[in-house]
C-alpha atoms as a PDB file:
ATOM      1  CA  MET A   1     -15.768 -31.880  -3.870  1.00  0.00           C
ATOM      2  CA  PRO A   2     -13.121 -30.911  -1.382  1.00  0.00           C
ATOM      3  CA  GLY A   3     -13.177 -28.290   1.204  1.00  0.00           C
ATOM      4  CA  TYR A   4     -16.264 -26.208   2.046  1.00  0.00           C
ATOM      5  CA  THR A   5     -19.361 -24.493   0.297  1.00  0.00           C
ATOM      6  CA  TYR A   6     -20.965 -21.636   2.278  1.00  0.00           C
ATOM      7  CA  SER A   7     -23.290 -23.878   4.077  1.00  0.00           C
ATOM      8  CA  THR A   8     -20.941 -26.402   5.131  1.00  0.00           C
ATOM      9  CA  PHE A   9     -18.450 -23.720   6.295  1.00  0.00           C
ATOM     10  CA  VAL A  10     -21.276 -22.140   8.363  1.00  0.00           C
ATOM     11  CA  THR A  11     -21.933 -25.620   9.829  1.00  0.00           C
ATOM     12  CA  ALA A  12     -18.179 -26.265  10.604  1.00  0.00           C
ATOM     13  CA  ILE A  13     -17.330 -23.029  12.197  1.00  0.00           C
ATOM     14  CA  ALA A  14     -20.657 -22.887  14.214  1.00  0.00           C
ATOM     15  CA  ALA A  15     -19.845 -26.272  15.516  1.00  0.00           C
ATOM     16  CA  GLU A  16     -16.078 -25.120  16.547  1.00  0.00           C
ATOM     17  CA  MET A  17     -17.796 -22.057  18.324  1.00  0.00           C
ATOM     18  CA  VAL A  18     -20.146 -24.134  19.889  1.00  0.00           C
ATOM     19  CA  VAL A  19     -23.192 -22.154  18.704  1.00  0.00           C
ATOM     20  CA  GLY A  20     -26.301 -22.768  16.739  1.00  0.00           C
ATOM     21  CA  PRO A  21     -25.755 -22.070  12.826  1.00  0.00           C
ATOM     22  CA  THR A  22     -29.009 -19.928  12.770  1.00  0.00           C
ATOM     23  CA  ASP A  23     -27.961 -17.923  16.020  1.00  0.00           C
ATOM     24  CA  SER A  24     -28.673 -14.352  15.337  1.00  0.00           C
ATOM     25  CA  ASP A  25     -25.369 -13.006  16.922  1.00  0.00           C
ATOM     26  CA  PHE A  26     -23.364 -15.706  15.122  1.00  0.00           C
ATOM     27  CA  LEU A  27     -24.772 -14.899  11.629  1.00  0.00           C
ATOM     28  CA  ALA A  28     -24.228 -11.208  12.428  1.00  0.00           C
ATOM     29  CA  ILE A  29     -20.471 -11.614  13.105  1.00  0.00           C
ATOM     30  CA  LEU A  30     -19.927 -14.383  10.361  1.00  0.00           C
ATOM     31  CA  PRO A  31     -19.318 -12.219   7.428  1.00  0.00           C
ATOM     32  CA  THR A  32     -16.559 -10.417   9.604  1.00  0.00           C
ATOM     33  CA  LEU A  33     -15.111 -13.770  10.476  1.00  0.00           C
ATOM     34  CA  ILE A  34     -15.009 -14.795   6.687  1.00  0.00           C
ATOM     35  CA  ASP A  35     -13.433 -11.443   5.760  1.00  0.00           C
ATOM     36  CA  ASP A  36     -10.827 -11.431   8.466  1.00  0.00           C
ATOM     37  CA  SER A  37      -9.659 -14.901   7.292  1.00  0.00           C
ATOM     38  CA  GLU A  38      -9.955 -14.039   3.535  1.00  0.00           C
ATOM     39  CA  GLN A  39      -8.097 -10.816   3.779  1.00  0.00           C
ATOM     40  CA  ARG A  40      -5.306 -12.208   5.855  1.00  0.00           C
ATOM     41  CA  ILE A  41      -4.707 -15.295   3.481  1.00  0.00           C
ATOM     42  CA  TYR A  42      -4.577 -13.001   0.368  1.00  0.00           C
ATOM     43  CA  ARG A  43      -1.886 -10.723   2.078  1.00  0.00           C
ATOM     44  CA  GLU A  44       0.057 -13.665   3.315  1.00  0.00           C
ATOM     45  CA  LEU A  45      -0.107 -15.837   0.192  1.00  0.00           C
ATOM     46  CA  ASP A  46       0.640 -14.595  -3.251  1.00  0.00           C
ATOM     47  CA  LEU A  47      -1.969 -16.624  -4.876  1.00  0.00           C
ATOM     48  CA  LEU A  48      -1.967 -17.472  -8.601  1.00  0.00           C
ATOM     49  CA  THR A  49      -5.762 -17.654  -8.386  1.00  0.00           C
ATOM     50  CA  SER A  50      -5.803 -13.688  -7.557  1.00  0.00           C
ATOM     51  CA  VAL A  51      -3.894 -12.882 -10.530  1.00  0.00           C
ATOM     52  CA  VAL A  52      -5.774 -11.966 -13.446  1.00  0.00           C
ATOM     53  CA  THR A  53      -5.135 -10.693 -17.009  1.00  0.00           C
ATOM     54  CA  VAL A  54      -7.496  -7.803 -18.303  1.00  0.00           C
ATOM     55  CA  ASN A  55      -7.456  -5.818 -21.532  1.00  0.00           C
ATOM     56  CA  GLY A  56      -7.837  -2.038 -21.778  1.00  0.00           C
ATOM     57  CA  THR A  57      -7.560   0.511 -24.742  1.00  0.00           C
ATOM     58  CA  ALA A  58      -4.769   3.116 -24.928  1.00  0.00           C
ATOM     59  CA  THR A  59      -5.849   6.538 -25.837  1.00  0.00           C
ATOM     60  CA  ALA A  60      -3.850   8.222 -28.561  1.00  0.00           C
ATOM     61  CA  ASN A  61      -1.700  11.072 -27.487  1.00  0.00           C
ATOM     62  CA  SER A  62      -2.380  10.734 -23.861  1.00  0.00           C
ATOM     63  CA  ARG A  63       0.060   9.469 -20.906  1.00  0.00           C
ATOM     64  CA  THR A  64      -2.983   8.566 -18.836  1.00  0.00           C
ATOM     65  CA  PHE A  65      -4.269   4.908 -19.087  1.00  0.00           C
ATOM     66  CA  THR A  66      -7.342   4.192 -16.698  1.00  0.00           C
ATOM     67  CA  LEU A  67      -7.087   0.512 -15.245  1.00  0.00           C
ATOM     68  CA  PRO A  68      -9.751  -1.918 -16.270  1.00  0.00           C
ATOM     69  CA  THR A  69     -12.582  -2.298 -13.603  1.00  0.00           C
ATOM     70  CA  SER A  70     -14.193  -5.518 -15.043  1.00  0.00           C
ATOM     71  CA  GLY A  71     -13.206  -8.669 -16.406  1.00  0.00           C
ATOM     72  CA  SER A  72     -14.065 -12.502 -16.395  1.00  0.00           C
ATOM     73  CA  MET A  73     -14.219 -12.462 -12.629  1.00  0.00           C
ATOM     74  CA  GLY A  74     -16.778  -9.500 -12.748  1.00  0.00           C
ATOM     75  CA  THR A  75     -16.067  -6.205 -10.953  1.00  0.00           C
ATOM     76  CA  ILE A  76     -12.315  -5.912 -10.277  1.00  0.00           C
ATOM     77  CA  HIS A  77      -9.924  -3.565  -8.584  1.00  0.00           C
ATOM     78  CA  PHE A  78      -6.146  -3.794  -9.300  1.00  0.00           C
ATOM     79  CA  LEU A  79      -4.269  -4.042  -5.857  1.00  0.00           C
ATOM     80  CA  VAL A  80      -0.770  -4.631  -7.561  1.00  0.00           C
ATOM     81  CA  ILE A  81       0.208  -4.659 -10.977  1.00  0.00           C
ATOM     82  CA  ASP A  82       2.624  -7.288 -12.017  1.00  0.00           C
ATOM     83  CA  ALA A  83       3.049  -6.486 -15.773  1.00  0.00           C
ATOM     84  CA  ILE A  84       1.789  -4.287 -18.515  1.00  0.00           C
ATOM     85  CA  ASN A  85       2.133  -5.123 -22.279  1.00  0.00           C
ATOM     86  CA  VAL A  86       0.905  -2.772 -25.235  1.00  0.00           C
ATOM     87  CA  LEU A  87      -0.276  -5.015 -28.269  1.00  0.00           C
ATOM     88  CA  ASP A  88       0.594  -3.704 -31.785  1.00  0.00           C
ATOM     89  CA  ALA A  89      -1.696  -4.281 -34.773  1.00  0.00           C
ATOM     90  CA  THR A  90      -0.216  -7.943 -35.301  1.00  0.00           C
ATOM     91  CA  SER A  91      -0.830  -8.491 -31.440  1.00  0.00           C
ATOM     92  CA  ILE A  92       2.788  -8.747 -30.733  1.00  0.00           C
ATOM     93  CA  ARG A  93       3.385  -7.549 -27.112  1.00  0.00           C
ATOM     94  CA  HIS A  94       5.508  -4.665 -26.277  1.00  0.00           C
ATOM     95  CA  PRO A  95       6.429  -4.782 -22.546  1.00  0.00           C
ATOM     96  CA  VAL A  96       5.917  -1.649 -20.565  1.00  0.00           C
ATOM     97  CA  LYS A  97       8.443  -1.541 -17.609  1.00  0.00           C
ATOM     98  CA  PRO A  98       7.844  -0.112 -14.029  1.00  0.00           C
ATOM     99  CA  ALA A  99       9.481   3.019 -13.150  1.00  0.00           C
ATOM    100  CA  THR A 100       9.150   6.140 -10.808  1.00  0.00           C
ATOM    101  CA  ARG A 101       6.803   8.878 -11.406  1.00  0.00           C
ATOM    102  CA  GLU A 102       9.852  11.303 -11.363  1.00  0.00           C
ATOM    103  CA  GLY A 103      11.484   9.130 -14.198  1.00  0.00           C
ATOM    104  CA  VAL A 104       8.445   8.984 -16.394  1.00  0.00           C
ATOM    105  CA  ASP A 105       7.838  12.650 -15.943  1.00  0.00           C
ATOM    106  CA  PHE A 106      11.537  13.559 -16.690  1.00  0.00           C
ATOM    107  CA  LEU A 107      11.752  11.163 -19.786  1.00  0.00           C
ATOM    108  CA  TYR A 108       8.413  11.748 -21.403  1.00  0.00           C
ATOM    109  CA  PRO A 109       6.960  14.932 -20.046  1.00  0.00           C
ATOM    110  CA  GLY A 110       4.660  15.687 -23.119  1.00  0.00           C
ATOM    111  CA  GLU A 111       1.309  14.281 -24.168  1.00  0.00           C
ATOM    112  CA  ASN A 112       1.984  13.680 -27.863  1.00  0.00           C
ATOM    113  CA  SER A 113       3.408  10.424 -29.346  1.00  0.00           C
ATOM    114  CA  LEU A 114       7.172  10.565 -30.651  1.00  0.00           C
ATOM    115  CA  SER A 115       6.850   8.579 -33.692  1.00  0.00           C
ATOM    116  CA  THR A 116       4.589   6.211 -35.685  1.00  0.00           C
ATOM    117  CA  PRO A 117       4.297   3.791 -34.424  1.00  0.00           C
ATOM    118  CA  CYS A 118       4.751   4.769 -30.719  1.00  0.00           C
ATOM    119  CA  TYR A 119       4.458   2.388 -27.904  1.00  0.00           C
ATOM    120  CA  PRO A 120       4.838   3.265 -24.249  1.00  0.00           C
ATOM    121  CA  GLY A 121       7.881   1.833 -22.733  1.00  0.00           C
ATOM    122  CA  VAL A 122       7.662   2.650 -18.956  1.00  0.00           C
ATOM    123  CA  PHE A 123       4.923   3.381 -16.327  1.00  0.00           C
ATOM    124  CA  CYS A 124       4.099   4.174 -12.842  1.00  0.00           C
ATOM    125  CA  ARG A 125       1.025   4.414 -10.725  1.00  0.00           C
ATOM    126  CA  ALA A 126      -0.942   7.824 -10.916  1.00  0.00           C
ATOM    127  CA  ASP A 127      -3.303   6.573  -8.514  1.00  0.00           C
ATOM    128  CA  ASP A 128      -5.096   3.737  -7.222  1.00  0.00           C
ATOM    129  CA  LEU A 129      -7.425   3.824 -10.405  1.00  0.00           C
ATOM    130  CA  SER A 130      -4.734   4.511 -13.304  1.00  0.00           C
ATOM    131  CA  ILE A 131      -1.165   4.760 -14.540  1.00  0.00           C
ATOM    132  CA  ILE A 132       0.846   7.159 -16.621  1.00  0.00           C
ATOM    133  CA  TYR A 133       3.277   5.752 -19.141  1.00  0.00           C
ATOM    134  CA  GLY A 134       5.520   7.230 -21.716  1.00  0.00           C
ATOM    135  CA  PRO A 135       6.044   8.018 -24.574  1.00  0.00           C
ATOM    136  CA  ALA A 136       2.533   8.411 -25.198  1.00  0.00           C
ATOM    137  CA  PRO A 137       1.129   6.024 -27.657  1.00  0.00           C
ATOM    138  CA  ASP A 138       0.193   7.221 -31.288  1.00  0.00           C
ATOM    139  CA  SER A 139      -3.059   5.179 -31.650  1.00  0.00           C
ATOM    140  CA  THR A 140      -5.633   3.190 -29.795  1.00  0.00           C
ATOM    141  CA  TYR A 141      -3.695   0.015 -28.872  1.00  0.00           C
ATOM    142  CA  THR A 142      -4.945  -2.829 -26.747  1.00  0.00           C
ATOM    143  CA  VAL A 143      -3.223  -2.575 -23.365  1.00  0.00           C
ATOM    144  CA  GLU A 144      -2.688  -5.747 -21.445  1.00  0.00           C
ATOM    145  CA  VAL A 145      -2.729  -5.564 -17.492  1.00  0.00           C
ATOM    146  CA  ILE A 146      -1.576  -8.522 -15.214  1.00  0.00           C
ATOM    147  CA  GLY A 147      -2.031  -7.921 -11.583  1.00  0.00           C
ATOM    148  CA  THR A 148      -3.538  -8.998  -8.228  1.00  0.00           C
ATOM    149  CA  ILE A 149      -7.092  -8.403  -7.215  1.00  0.00           C
ATOM    150  CA  ARG A 150      -9.471  -9.410  -4.545  1.00  0.00           C
ATOM    151  CA  PRO A 151     -11.814 -12.167  -5.637  1.00  0.00           C
ATOM    152  CA  ALA A 152     -15.370 -12.048  -4.437  1.00  0.00           C
ATOM    153  CA  PRO A 153     -15.690 -13.331  -0.712  1.00  0.00           C
ATOM    154  CA  LEU A 154     -17.481 -16.504   0.142  1.00  0.00           C
ATOM    155  CA  SER A 155     -21.176 -15.662   0.970  1.00  0.00           C
ATOM    156  CA  ALA A 156     -24.837 -17.166   0.581  1.00  0.00           C
ATOM    157  CA  THR A 157     -24.683 -15.795  -3.142  1.00  0.00           C
ATOM    158  CA  ASN A 158     -21.035 -16.795  -3.804  1.00  0.00           C
ATOM    159  CA  THR A 159     -21.212 -20.323  -2.458  1.00  0.00           C
ATOM    160  CA  SER A 160     -17.645 -21.482  -2.935  1.00  0.00           C
ATOM    161  CA  THR A 161     -14.258 -19.884  -3.386  1.00  0.00           C
ATOM    162  CA  TYR A 162     -10.652 -21.089  -3.945  1.00  0.00           C
ATOM    163  CA  LEU A 163      -9.962 -20.599  -0.512  1.00  0.00           C
ATOM    164  CA  SER A 164     -13.030 -22.465   0.802  1.00  0.00           C
ATOM    165  CA  LEU A 165     -12.469 -25.425  -1.757  1.00  0.00           C
ATOM    166  CA  TYR A 166      -8.624 -25.709  -1.777  1.00  0.00           C
ATOM    167  CA  LEU A 167      -7.322 -23.991   1.322  1.00  0.00           C
ATOM    168  CA  SER A 168     -10.046 -24.922   3.424  1.00  0.00           C
ATOM    169  CA  ASP A 169      -8.166 -26.011   6.607  1.00  0.00           C
ATOM    170  CA  LEU A 170      -6.126 -22.573   6.548  1.00  0.00           C
ATOM    171  CA  PHE A 171      -9.652 -20.571   5.839  1.00  0.00           C
ATOM    172  CA  LEU A 172     -11.083 -22.261   8.930  1.00  0.00           C
ATOM    173  CA  ALA A 173      -8.066 -21.391  11.050  1.00  0.00           C
ATOM    174  CA  GLY A 174      -8.096 -17.966   9.989  1.00  0.00           C
ATOM    175  CA  ALA A 175     -11.676 -17.448  10.789  1.00  0.00           C
ATOM    176  CA  MET A 176     -11.299 -19.185  14.129  1.00  0.00           C
ATOM    177  CA  VAL A 177      -8.464 -16.921  15.181  1.00  0.00           C
ATOM    178  CA  SER A 178     -11.074 -13.868  14.689  1.00  0.00           C
ATOM    179  CA  ALA A 179     -13.868 -16.022  16.338  1.00  0.00           C
ATOM    180  CA  SER A 180     -11.751 -16.645  19.356  1.00  0.00           C
ATOM    181  CA  GLY A 181     -11.262 -12.867  19.947  1.00  0.00           C
ATOM    182  CA  TYR A 182     -14.917 -12.456  19.332  1.00  0.00           C
ATOM    183  CA  MET A 183     -16.073 -15.148  21.984  1.00  0.00           C
ATOM    184  CA  ARG A 184     -13.485 -13.697  24.479  1.00  0.00           C
ATOM    185  CA  ASN A 185     -14.595 -10.205  23.721  1.00  0.00           C
ATOM    186  CA  PHE A 186     -10.965  -9.356  22.948  1.00  0.00           C
ATOM    187  CA  GLY A 187      -9.910  -7.660  25.966  1.00  0.00           C
ATOM    188  CA  SER A 188     -10.087 -10.663  28.181  1.00  0.00           C
ATOM    189  CA  GLN A 189      -7.637 -12.621  25.839  1.00  0.00           C
ATOM    190  CA  GLY A 190      -4.947 -11.587  28.318  1.00  0.00           C
ATOM    191  CA  ASP A 191      -6.576 -13.675  31.008  1.00  0.00           C
ATOM    192  CA  ASP A 192      -7.495 -16.722  28.905  1.00  0.00           C
ATOM    193  CA  PRO A 193      -5.523 -16.598  25.542  1.00  0.00           C
ATOM    194  CA  ARG A 194      -5.198 -20.412  25.117  1.00  0.00           C
ATOM    195  CA  MET A 195      -7.991 -20.717  22.402  1.00  0.00           C
ATOM    196  CA  SER A 196      -6.797 -17.842  20.198  1.00  0.00           C
ATOM    197  CA  VAL A 197      -3.349 -18.846  20.608  1.00  0.00           C
ATOM    198  CA  SER A 198      -4.016 -22.504  19.775  1.00  0.00           C
ATOM    199  CA  TRP A 199      -5.935 -21.526  16.474  1.00  0.00           C
ATOM    200  CA  GLU A 200      -3.059 -18.956  15.591  1.00  0.00           C
ATOM    201  CA  SER A 201      -0.605 -21.806  15.924  1.00  0.00           C
ATOM    202  CA  GLN A 202      -2.692 -23.922  13.667  1.00  0.00           C
ATOM    203  CA  PHE A 203      -3.070 -21.068  11.100  1.00  0.00           C
ATOM    204  CA  GLN A 204       0.675 -20.667  10.998  1.00  0.00           C
ATOM    205  CA  THR A 205       1.396 -24.319  10.507  1.00  0.00           C
ATOM    206  CA  ARG A 206      -1.012 -24.586   7.733  1.00  0.00           C
ATOM    207  CA  LEU A 207       0.248 -21.304   6.248  1.00  0.00           C
ATOM    208  CA  ALA A 208       3.511 -22.676   5.979  1.00  0.00           C
ATOM    209  CA  SER A 209       2.355 -25.664   3.864  1.00  0.00           C
ATOM    210  CA  ALA A 210       0.381 -23.547   1.802  1.00  0.00           C
ATOM    211  CA  LYS A 211       3.213 -21.447   1.151  1.00  0.00           C
ATOM    212  CA  LYS A 212       5.376 -24.341  -0.076  1.00  0.00           C
ATOM    213  CA  GLU A 213       2.633 -25.481  -2.401  1.00  0.00           C
ATOM    214  CA  GLU A 214       2.013 -22.062  -4.058  1.00  0.00           C
ATOM    215  CA  LEU A 215       5.868 -21.793  -4.727  1.00  0.00           C
ATOM    216  CA  ARG A 216       5.770 -25.177  -6.612  1.00  0.00           C
ATOM    217  CA  LYS A 217       2.880 -24.001  -8.655  1.00  0.00           C
ATOM    218  CA  SER A 218       4.602 -21.000  -9.829  1.00  0.00           C
ATOM    219  CA  TYR A 219       7.935 -22.848 -10.243  1.00  0.00           C
ATOM    220  CA  ILE A 220       9.840 -20.323  -8.001  1.00  0.00           C
ATOM    221  CA  ALA A 221      11.018 -22.850  -5.664  1.00  0.00           C
ATOM    222  CA  ALA A 222      12.533 -25.028  -8.585  1.00  0.00           C
ATOM    223  CA  MET A 223      14.065 -21.991 -10.320  1.00  0.00           C
ATOM    224  CA  SER A 224      15.832 -21.011  -7.021  1.00  0.00           C
ATOM    225  CA  THR A 225      17.572 -24.196  -6.784  1.00  0.00           C
ATOM    226  CA  PRO A 226      20.377 -24.964  -8.954  1.00  0.00           C
ATOM    227  CA  PRO A 227      20.473 -27.970 -11.246  1.00  0.00           C
ATOM    228  CA  SER A 228      22.264 -31.128  -9.789  1.00  0.00           C
ATOM    229  CA  SER A 229      24.887 -30.716 -12.445  1.00  0.00           C
ATOM    230  CA  MET A 230      25.744 -27.198 -10.954  1.00  0.00           C
ATOM    231  CA  LYS A 231      25.911 -28.128  -7.241  1.00  0.00           C
ATOM    232  CA  ASP A 232      29.431 -29.277  -7.054  1.00  0.00           C
ATOM    233  CA  ALA A 233      30.862 -26.924  -9.657  1.00  0.00           C
END
């Protein structure tokens, strides 16, 4: 198996920090080092592994839809909504397009559906847990939500993650950037910045290669390059 499990990661980062893997101070800061690295990588990379599709149920004659909070990955929280589809009785998808709150309120101010059938056509975030869309649906349709979440972090009970297995070099570098500051007590980095700067350089180098691979996975790079037959046109 490539990469790290929780136990092998603990051993690896303890070795880099030149500290015993059972040292109490090290174990106390370890969850923070993991969180710092994971959060940074998830924000820097638009990883397909953090995109999920979860279904909810529309409420008839209501513009408000509460985003699902559970799925195949357990408890989830949608950070970014990439797409919303309403499925009709034959499971045909009707895309709901993003819009501004002002636009949704202006076009569809009422809570009642406008026809039968009636599928929402636009939506906006109402808050962190719900959206409003319009027009209001006429029935309890299935609503498909596609978006970005934060996967569960690496821990003693969640012994491997996508980052620890497949972006292990980047994950370790990110943790060591934070660990360098911890070991220098942050304030003294100005006097001896070499360790932190070195790991930051490693992180940026590894991040660049990870971005290239992620673009290839989503075909964005290929789609942004014109076919060879068009290059000389």
